[in-house]
Protein backbone atom coordinates (compact mmCIF):
# COMPACT_ATOMS: atom_id res chain seq x y z
CA MET A 1 0.09 0.09 0.01
CA GLN A 2 2.52 2.16 0.67
CA THR A 3 4.06 1.93 -2.41
CA VAL A 4 1.11 2.47 -3.94
CA GLU A 5 0.46 5.89 -1.91
CA LEU A 6 3.93 6.92 -2.59
CA ALA A 7 3.31 6.60 -6.74
CA GLY A 8 0.53 8.57 -6.71
CA GLN A 9 2.04 11.70 -4.93
CA ALA A 10 5.41 11.55 -6.87
CA ARG A 11 2.25 11.37 -10.31
CA VAL A 12 0.21 14.84 -8.39
CA THR A 13 4.49 16.14 -7.91
CA ARG A 14 4.77 15.29 -11.86
CA ILE A 15 1.44 17.35 -12.60
CA MET A 16 2.51 19.22 -10.53
CA LEU A 17 5.52 20.71 -12.10
CA VAL A 18 3.91 20.22 -16.00
CA LEU A 19 1.43 23.17 -15.42
CA ALA A 20 4.26 25.32 -13.31
CA ASP A 21 6.73 25.07 -16.51
CA LEU A 22 3.55 25.94 -18.39
CA GLN A 23 2.48 28.92 -16.76
CA ASP A 24 6.98 29.55 -16.80
CA PHE A 25 6.12 29.35 -20.61
CA VAL A 26 3.87 31.58 -20.29
CA SER A 27 4.88 34.03 -19.39
CA THR A 28 8.02 34.41 -20.96
CA HIS A 29 6.73 34.18 -24.04
CA ARG A 30 2.86 35.70 -24.07
CA PRO A 31 4.77 38.69 -24.61
CA HIS A 32 5.93 37.59 -27.88
CA GLY A 33 2.97 37.39 -29.74
CA PRO A 34 -0.65 35.50 -29.48
CA LEU A 35 0.83 31.68 -28.62
CA THR A 36 -0.99 28.68 -30.55
CA ALA A 37 -2.15 25.67 -28.13
CA GLU A 38 -3.09 21.68 -29.62
CA ALA A 39 -3.18 18.95 -28.66
CA THR A 40 -3.18 14.95 -30.92
CA GLU A 41 -5.48 12.53 -30.99
CA PRO A 42 -5.75 10.56 -27.92
CA ALA A 43 -3.98 7.28 -28.02
CA TRP A 44 -3.80 4.33 -25.73
CA ASN A 45 -0.95 5.50 -23.98
CA GLY A 46 -2.21 8.84 -24.44
CA TYR A 47 -2.11 12.30 -26.64
CA LEU A 48 0.94 15.37 -27.30
CA VAL A 49 0.11 18.97 -25.59
CA THR A 50 1.99 21.65 -27.24
CA VAL A 51 1.99 26.01 -26.93
CA ALA A 52 3.89 27.47 -29.95
CA CYS A 53 5.59 30.65 -29.29
CA PRO A 54 6.18 33.26 -32.90
CA CYS A 55 9.33 33.25 -31.04
CA ARG A 56 9.46 29.67 -32.80
CA VAL A 57 10.50 28.10 -29.65
CA VAL A 58 8.06 25.35 -28.50
CA PHE A 59 6.59 23.78 -25.18
CA GLY A 60 5.23 20.28 -25.02
CA ARG A 61 4.56 17.56 -22.98
CA TRP A 62 3.41 14.00 -23.33
CA VAL A 63 0.47 13.34 -21.13
CA THR A 64 -0.66 9.08 -19.98
CA PRO A 65 -4.16 8.68 -19.94
CA LEU A 66 -3.61 8.77 -15.55
CA ASP A 67 -2.21 11.31 -15.79
CA ALA A 68 -5.54 12.91 -17.53
CA ASP A 69 -7.71 11.00 -14.51
CA THR A 70 -5.45 12.55 -12.32
CA ASP A 71 -5.90 15.82 -13.29
CA LEU A 72 -9.71 15.93 -13.85
CA ILE A 73 -9.91 14.82 -10.09
CA SER A 74 -8.25 17.37 -9.38
CA TRP A 75 -10.38 19.37 -10.57
CA CYS A 76 -13.73 17.60 -9.59
CA ARG A 77 -12.26 17.90 -6.14
CA PHE A 78 -12.07 21.71 -7.33
CA SER A 79 -14.92 22.21 -8.19
CA GLN A 80 -16.54 20.91 -5.33
CA ALA A 81 -14.78 22.96 -2.39
CA LEU A 82 -16.20 26.45 -4.54
């Protein structure tokens, strides 16, 4: 049981780091002009999320189905708290 709990916490931490990286990218590159976000069609192992800046720098992260589920659960908890 402890291993599952640690794995879950590590997954949440990784998602939080991705969000922090995305926020940093957006705040750094927004002054360059409009950003373009895209996501690939979901596959069995996840999907790719990209955000492109006019300065030709691209932020890209792979999102697994488990990451997406964890994120959705977090959003649902947040919504219920409001």
